[in-house]
Amino acid sequence: MQFLKKDKVGQTTKARGDAGEDEALAYLQARGLRLLQRNYRTPGRGGGEIDLIMQAGDGTVVFVEVRKRSRTDHGGAAASIGHAKQRRIVFAAHHYLLRWRQLPPARFDVVTIEATGPQWLQAAFDAA
């Protein structure tokens, strides 16, 4: 049996994360991006996962990591995306792009959801 961690108001961390993704998705769609896929996961263990895969009006595929934090200590939401997490996102992005005949321009963005509202960090990191 799997136990889900709950916060102070009884909401699971998954439910909180899903709500953050919903907010980020609405935010990005309002700015002209189109959803291609949500919660893309590579097969097998140890792979990567991408919260949102969007496409900008110019055709750029945007791989989006969403982070929701209620507190800003320890650097806040953006600081929680370390090098290992970035590598897993890049791995999943490469896997996702294998299905494309011609590689589109791509970038890695982060949307943070904090008390001050959503913040969109475009080209937050690269695949190197």
N, C-alpha and C. Protein backbone atom coordinates (compact mmCIF):
# COMPACT_ATOMS: atom_id res chain seq x y z
N MET A 1 0.84 -1.18 0.00
CA MET A 1 0.00 0.00 0.00
C MET A 1 0.89 1.24 0.00
N GLN A 2 0.56 2.20 -0.85
CA GLN A 2 1.34 3.41 -0.96
C GLN A 2 0.73 4.50 -0.09
N PHE A 3 1.57 5.17 0.67
CA PHE A 3 1.11 6.27 1.50
C PHE A 3 1.57 7.57 0.88
N LEU A 4 0.67 8.52 0.76
CA LEU A 4 1.00 9.82 0.20
C LEU A 4 1.16 10.82 1.32
N LYS A 5 2.22 11.60 1.21
CA LYS A 5 2.50 12.62 2.21
C LYS A 5 1.47 13.74 2.09
N LYS A 6 0.94 14.18 3.23
CA LYS A 6 -0.06 15.25 3.24
C LYS A 6 0.52 16.49 3.90
N ASP A 7 0.05 17.65 3.45
CA ASP A 7 0.49 18.90 4.05
C ASP A 7 -0.43 19.28 5.21
N LYS A 8 -0.26 20.49 5.72
CA LYS A 8 -1.01 20.92 6.91
C LYS A 8 -2.51 21.02 6.68
N VAL A 9 -2.94 21.20 5.44
CA VAL A 9 -4.38 21.29 5.17
C VAL A 9 -4.93 19.98 4.64
N GLY A 10 -4.14 18.91 4.72
CA GLY A 10 -4.61 17.58 4.34
C GLY A 10 -4.53 17.28 2.86
N GLN A 11 -3.85 18.13 2.10
CA GLN A 11 -3.71 17.90 0.67
C GLN A 11 -2.43 17.10 0.41
N THR A 12 -2.51 16.10 -0.46
CA THR A 12 -1.31 15.33 -0.76
C THR A 12 -0.34 16.16 -1.57
N THR A 13 0.93 15.78 -1.53
CA THR A 13 1.92 16.49 -2.32
C THR A 13 1.63 16.32 -3.81
N LYS A 14 1.08 15.19 -4.21
CA LYS A 14 0.70 14.99 -5.62
C LYS A 14 -0.41 15.95 -6.01
N ALA A 15 -1.42 16.09 -5.16
CA ALA A 15 -2.52 17.02 -5.46
C ALA A 15 -2.01 18.45 -5.55
N ARG A 16 -1.10 18.82 -4.64
CA ARG A 16 -0.50 20.16 -4.68
C ARG A 16 0.29 20.35 -5.96
N GLY A 17 1.05 19.31 -6.35
CA GLY A 17 1.83 19.39 -7.58
C GLY A 17 0.94 19.50 -8.81
N ASP A 18 -0.14 18.71 -8.84
CA ASP A 18 -1.08 18.77 -9.96
C ASP A 18 -1.72 20.16 -10.06
N ALA A 19 -2.05 20.74 -8.93
CA ALA A 19 -2.64 22.08 -8.92
C ALA A 19 -1.64 23.11 -9.45
N GLY A 20 -0.37 22.95 -9.07
CA GLY A 20 0.67 23.83 -9.58
C GLY A 20 0.83 23.70 -11.09
N GLU A 21 0.78 22.47 -11.59
CA GLU A 21 0.88 22.24 -13.04
C GLU A 21 -0.32 22.85 -13.76
N ASP A 22 -1.51 22.73 -13.18
CA ASP A 22 -2.71 23.33 -13.77
C ASP A 22 -2.53 24.85 -13.88
N GLU A 23 -2.02 25.45 -12.82
CA GLU A 23 -1.83 26.90 -12.81
C GLU A 23 -0.78 27.32 -13.84
N ALA A 24 0.32 26.57 -13.90
CA ALA A 24 1.38 26.87 -14.86
C ALA A 24 0.87 26.71 -16.30
N LEU A 25 0.11 25.65 -16.54
CA LEU A 25 -0.44 25.41 -17.87
C LEU A 25 -1.33 26.57 -18.31
N ALA A 26 -2.23 26.98 -17.45
CA ALA A 26 -3.12 28.10 -17.78
C ALA A 26 -2.31 29.38 -18.04
N TYR A 27 -1.29 29.60 -17.23
CA TYR A 27 -0.42 30.77 -17.36
C TYR A 27 0.27 30.77 -18.73
N LEU A 28 0.83 29.62 -19.12
CA LEU A 28 1.55 29.54 -20.39
C LEU A 28 0.60 29.61 -21.59
N GLN A 29 -0.56 28.97 -21.48
CA GLN A 29 -1.54 29.04 -22.57
C GLN A 29 -2.03 30.47 -22.77
N ALA A 30 -2.18 31.21 -21.69
CA ALA A 30 -2.61 32.61 -21.79
C ALA A 30 -1.55 33.46 -22.48
N ARG A 31 -0.33 32.96 -22.54
CA ARG A 31 0.77 33.66 -23.20
C ARG A 31 1.09 33.07 -24.56
N GLY A 32 0.16 32.27 -25.09
CA GLY A 32 0.26 31.81 -26.47
C GLY A 32 0.90 30.46 -26.71
N LEU A 33 1.31 29.74 -25.67
CA LEU A 33 1.89 28.42 -25.88
C LEU A 33 0.80 27.37 -25.97
N ARG A 34 1.08 26.32 -26.72
CA ARG A 34 0.11 25.23 -26.93
C ARG A 34 0.64 23.97 -26.28
N LEU A 35 -0.23 23.27 -25.56
CA LEU A 35 0.17 22.04 -24.88
C LEU A 35 0.35 20.91 -25.89
N LEU A 36 1.51 20.25 -25.84
CA LEU A 36 1.75 19.06 -26.63
C LEU A 36 1.56 17.80 -25.79
N GLN A 37 2.08 17.83 -24.57
CA GLN A 37 1.94 16.66 -23.69
C GLN A 37 2.19 17.09 -22.24
N ARG A 38 1.53 16.36 -21.35
CA ARG A 38 1.66 16.63 -19.92
C ARG A 38 2.18 15.37 -19.23
N ASN A 39 3.08 15.55 -18.30
CA ASN A 39 3.66 14.47 -17.50
C ASN A 39 4.26 13.37 -18.37
N TYR A 40 5.13 13.77 -19.27
CA TYR A 40 5.82 12.81 -20.13
C TYR A 40 6.88 12.07 -19.32
N ARG A 41 6.85 10.76 -19.38
CA ARG A 41 7.82 9.94 -18.64
C ARG A 41 8.52 9.01 -19.61
N THR A 42 9.81 8.82 -19.40
CA THR A 42 10.54 7.84 -20.18
C THR A 42 10.23 6.46 -19.60
N PRO A 43 10.29 5.43 -20.43
CA PRO A 43 10.02 4.09 -19.92
C PRO A 43 11.16 3.60 -19.02
N GLY A 44 10.84 2.70 -18.12
CA GLY A 44 11.85 2.10 -17.26
C GLY A 44 12.16 2.93 -16.04
N ARG A 45 12.98 2.34 -15.20
CA ARG A 45 13.39 3.02 -13.97
C ARG A 45 14.57 3.94 -14.23
N GLY A 46 14.66 4.98 -13.44
CA GLY A 46 15.80 5.88 -13.52
C GLY A 46 15.75 6.86 -14.67
N GLY A 47 14.64 6.92 -15.36
CA GLY A 47 14.52 7.84 -16.48
C GLY A 47 14.14 9.23 -16.01
N GLY A 48 13.55 9.96 -16.88
CA GLY A 48 13.17 11.32 -16.54
C GLY A 48 11.69 11.55 -16.74
N GLU A 49 11.25 12.72 -16.30
CA GLU A 49 9.85 13.11 -16.42
C GLU A 49 9.81 14.60 -16.69
N ILE A 50 8.91 14.99 -17.57
CA ILE A 50 8.74 16.40 -17.90
C ILE A 50 7.30 16.77 -17.58
N ASP A 51 7.14 17.84 -16.80
CA ASP A 51 5.81 18.24 -16.37
C ASP A 51 4.94 18.66 -17.54
N LEU A 52 5.42 19.59 -18.35
CA LEU A 52 4.65 20.10 -19.48
C LEU A 52 5.56 20.20 -20.70
N ILE A 53 5.06 19.76 -21.83
CA ILE A 53 5.75 19.99 -23.10
C ILE A 53 4.83 20.88 -23.91
N MET A 54 5.33 22.06 -24.22
CA MET A 54 4.54 23.09 -24.89
C MET A 54 5.19 23.43 -26.22
N GLN A 55 4.45 24.15 -27.06
CA GLN A 55 5.02 24.64 -28.30
C GLN A 55 4.69 26.12 -28.43
N ALA A 56 5.74 26.90 -28.68
CA ALA A 56 5.58 28.34 -28.87
C ALA A 56 5.10 28.61 -30.29
N GLY A 57 4.64 29.81 -30.53
CA GLY A 57 4.13 30.19 -31.85
C GLY A 57 5.14 30.06 -32.96
N ASP A 58 6.43 30.17 -32.64
CA ASP A 58 7.48 30.05 -33.66
C ASP A 58 7.90 28.61 -33.91
N GLY A 59 7.23 27.64 -33.24
CA GLY A 59 7.54 26.23 -33.43
C GLY A 59 8.49 25.65 -32.39
N THR A 60 9.06 26.49 -31.55
CA THR A 60 9.98 26.01 -30.52
C THR A 60 9.25 25.09 -29.55
N VAL A 61 9.83 23.92 -29.30
CA VAL A 61 9.29 23.00 -28.31
C VAL A 61 9.88 23.42 -26.96
N VAL A 62 9.00 23.62 -26.00
CA VAL A 62 9.40 24.13 -24.68
C VAL A 62 9.14 23.05 -23.65
N PHE A 63 10.21 22.56 -23.03
CA PHE A 63 10.11 21.57 -21.96
C PHE A 63 10.06 22.34 -20.65
N VAL A 64 8.96 22.16 -19.92
CA VAL A 64 8.71 22.99 -18.75
C VAL A 64 8.72 22.17 -17.47
N GLU A 65 9.55 22.58 -16.53
CA GLU A 65 9.54 22.03 -15.17
C GLU A 65 8.74 23.00 -14.32
N VAL A 66 7.78 22.48 -13.58
CA VAL A 66 6.94 23.31 -12.71
C VAL A 66 7.33 23.02 -11.27
N ARG A 67 7.53 24.06 -10.51
CA ARG A 67 7.85 23.93 -9.08
C ARG A 67 6.93 24.83 -8.29
N LYS A 68 6.28 24.23 -7.31
CA LYS A 68 5.39 24.98 -6.43
C LYS A 68 5.95 24.91 -5.02
N ARG A 69 6.10 26.05 -4.41
CA ARG A 69 6.59 26.12 -3.04
C ARG A 69 5.79 27.16 -2.28
N SER A 70 5.45 26.81 -1.06
CA SER A 70 4.73 27.79 -0.24
C SER A 70 5.69 28.66 0.55
N ARG A 71 6.94 28.20 0.66
CA ARG A 71 7.94 28.96 1.41
C ARG A 71 9.08 29.34 0.47
N THR A 72 9.71 30.46 0.76
CA THR A 72 10.80 30.92 -0.09
C THR A 72 12.17 30.75 0.55
N ASP A 73 12.22 30.17 1.76
CA ASP A 73 13.54 29.94 2.34
C ASP A 73 14.23 28.81 1.56
N HIS A 74 15.49 28.65 1.75
CA HIS A 74 16.30 27.67 1.02
C HIS A 74 16.32 27.95 -0.48
N GLY A 75 16.14 29.21 -0.87
CA GLY A 75 16.24 29.58 -2.27
C GLY A 75 14.95 29.56 -3.06
N GLY A 76 13.88 29.08 -2.48
CA GLY A 76 12.60 29.06 -3.18
C GLY A 76 12.51 27.95 -4.21
N ALA A 77 11.47 28.03 -5.03
CA ALA A 77 11.15 26.96 -5.97
C ALA A 77 12.22 26.75 -7.03
N ALA A 78 12.73 27.82 -7.61
CA ALA A 78 13.71 27.68 -8.69
C ALA A 78 14.99 27.01 -8.22
N ALA A 79 15.39 27.28 -6.99
CA ALA A 79 16.62 26.70 -6.46
C ALA A 79 16.52 25.20 -6.22
N SER A 80 15.30 24.68 -6.25
CA SER A 80 15.12 23.25 -5.99
C SER A 80 15.38 22.38 -7.22
N ILE A 81 15.71 22.99 -8.33
CA ILE A 81 15.99 22.23 -9.56
C ILE A 81 17.50 22.14 -9.73
N GLY A 82 18.05 21.11 -9.13
CA GLY A 82 19.50 20.92 -9.15
C GLY A 82 19.98 20.29 -10.45
N HIS A 83 21.29 20.08 -10.50
CA HIS A 83 21.93 19.53 -11.70
C HIS A 83 21.39 18.14 -12.04
N ALA A 84 21.19 17.29 -11.04
CA ALA A 84 20.69 15.93 -11.30
C ALA A 84 19.28 15.98 -11.91
N LYS A 85 18.42 16.84 -11.39
CA LYS A 85 17.06 16.98 -11.93
C LYS A 85 17.12 17.50 -13.37
N GLN A 86 17.99 18.47 -13.62
CA GLN A 86 18.14 18.99 -14.97
C GLN A 86 18.57 17.88 -15.93
N ARG A 87 19.50 17.04 -15.52
CA ARG A 87 19.97 15.93 -16.37
C ARG A 87 18.82 14.97 -16.70
N ARG A 88 17.97 14.68 -15.72
CA ARG A 88 16.83 13.79 -15.98
C ARG A 88 15.83 14.41 -16.95
N ILE A 89 15.62 15.72 -16.83
CA ILE A 89 14.72 16.42 -17.75
C ILE A 89 15.30 16.41 -19.16
N VAL A 90 16.59 16.68 -19.29
CA VAL A 90 17.24 16.67 -20.60
C VAL A 90 17.17 15.27 -21.21
N PHE A 91 17.40 14.24 -20.41
CA PHE A 91 17.30 12.86 -20.88
C PHE A 91 15.90 12.58 -21.44
N ALA A 92 14.88 12.98 -20.70
CA ALA A 92 13.50 12.76 -21.14
C ALA A 92 13.19 13.57 -22.40
N ALA A 93 13.73 14.78 -22.49
CA ALA A 93 13.52 15.61 -23.69
C ALA A 93 14.13 14.94 -24.92
N HIS A 94 15.34 14.42 -24.78
CA HIS A 94 15.97 13.70 -25.89
C HIS A 94 15.10 12.52 -26.32
N HIS A 95 14.62 11.78 -25.34
CA HIS A 95 13.76 10.63 -25.63
C HIS A 95 12.49 11.08 -26.36
N TYR A 96 11.87 12.14 -25.89
CA TYR A 96 10.65 12.66 -26.52
C TYR A 96 10.91 13.07 -27.97
N LEU A 97 12.04 13.72 -28.22
CA LEU A 97 12.33 14.23 -29.56
C LEU A 97 12.70 13.14 -30.56
N LEU A 98 12.95 11.92 -30.10
CA LEU A 98 13.25 10.82 -31.01
C LEU A 98 12.11 10.56 -31.99
N ARG A 99 10.91 10.92 -31.61
CA ARG A 99 9.74 10.67 -32.48
C ARG A 99 9.58 11.72 -33.57
N TRP A 100 10.34 12.79 -33.52
CA TRP A 100 10.22 13.86 -34.50
C TRP A 100 11.12 13.56 -35.70
N ARG A 101 10.59 13.74 -36.89
CA ARG A 101 11.40 13.53 -38.11
C ARG A 101 12.46 14.60 -38.25
N GLN A 102 12.06 15.82 -37.99
CA GLN A 102 12.99 16.94 -38.06
C GLN A 102 13.00 17.62 -36.70
N LEU A 103 14.20 17.79 -36.14
CA LEU A 103 14.29 18.37 -34.81
C LEU A 103 13.91 19.85 -34.82
N PRO A 104 12.97 20.22 -33.97
CA PRO A 104 12.58 21.62 -33.87
C PRO A 104 13.55 22.35 -32.93
N PRO A 105 13.53 23.67 -32.95
CA PRO A 105 14.25 24.38 -31.89
C PRO A 105 13.59 24.01 -30.55
N ALA A 106 14.39 23.95 -29.51
CA ALA A 106 13.87 23.56 -28.19
C ALA A 106 14.57 24.34 -27.10
N ARG A 107 13.88 24.43 -25.96
CA ARG A 107 14.49 25.07 -24.80
C ARG A 107 13.87 24.49 -23.53
N PHE A 108 14.52 24.77 -22.41
CA PHE A 108 14.09 24.28 -21.11
C PHE A 108 13.71 25.47 -20.24
N ASP A 109 12.43 25.54 -19.90
CA ASP A 109 11.91 26.62 -19.08
C ASP A 109 11.50 26.09 -17.72
N VAL A 110 11.36 26.99 -16.78
CA VAL A 110 10.86 26.67 -15.45
C VAL A 110 9.75 27.65 -15.13
N VAL A 111 8.65 27.12 -14.60
CA VAL A 111 7.59 27.98 -14.06
C VAL A 111 7.52 27.70 -12.58
N THR A 112 7.74 28.73 -11.79
CA THR A 112 7.64 28.59 -10.34
C THR A 112 6.30 29.16 -9.89
N ILE A 113 5.68 28.46 -8.96
CA ILE A 113 4.43 28.92 -8.37
C ILE A 113 4.73 29.17 -6.90
N GLU A 114 4.75 30.42 -6.54
CA GLU A 114 5.02 30.80 -5.15
C GLU A 114 3.92 31.74 -4.69
N ALA A 115 4.04 32.21 -3.48
CA ALA A 115 3.01 33.09 -2.90
C ALA A 115 2.78 34.34 -3.75
N THR A 116 3.83 34.78 -4.46
CA THR A 116 3.71 35.98 -5.29
C THR A 116 3.09 35.70 -6.64
N GLY A 117 2.78 34.42 -6.93
CA GLY A 117 2.18 34.04 -8.21
C GLY A 117 3.19 33.35 -9.10
N PRO A 118 2.79 33.01 -10.33
CA PRO A 118 3.69 32.30 -11.23
C PRO A 118 4.80 33.19 -11.77
N GLN A 119 5.97 32.61 -11.90
CA GLN A 119 7.11 33.27 -12.53
C GLN A 119 7.62 32.34 -13.62
N TRP A 120 7.82 32.87 -14.82
CA TRP A 120 8.24 32.09 -15.97
C TRP A 120 9.69 32.39 -16.27
N LEU A 121 10.53 31.42 -16.08
CA LEU A 121 11.96 31.56 -16.36
C LEU A 121 12.26 30.87 -17.68
N GLN A 122 12.37 31.66 -18.74
CA GLN A 122 12.62 31.10 -20.06
C GLN A 122 14.09 30.77 -20.23
N ALA A 123 14.36 29.65 -20.91
CA ALA A 123 15.74 29.18 -21.12
C ALA A 123 16.48 29.12 -19.78
N ALA A 124 15.85 28.50 -18.79
CA ALA A 124 16.39 28.45 -17.44
C ALA A 124 17.67 27.62 -17.34
N PHE A 125 17.80 26.62 -18.20
CA PHE A 125 19.02 25.83 -18.28
C PHE A 125 19.11 25.24 -19.68
N ASP A 126 20.28 24.68 -20.01
CA ASP A 126 20.44 24.11 -21.34
C ASP A 126 20.79 22.64 -21.26
N ALA A 127 20.92 22.01 -22.39
CA ALA A 127 21.11 20.56 -22.45
C ALA A 127 22.58 20.16 -22.25
N ALA A 128 23.46 21.10 -22.12
CA ALA A 128 24.89 20.77 -21.97
C ALA A 128 25.20 20.21 -20.60
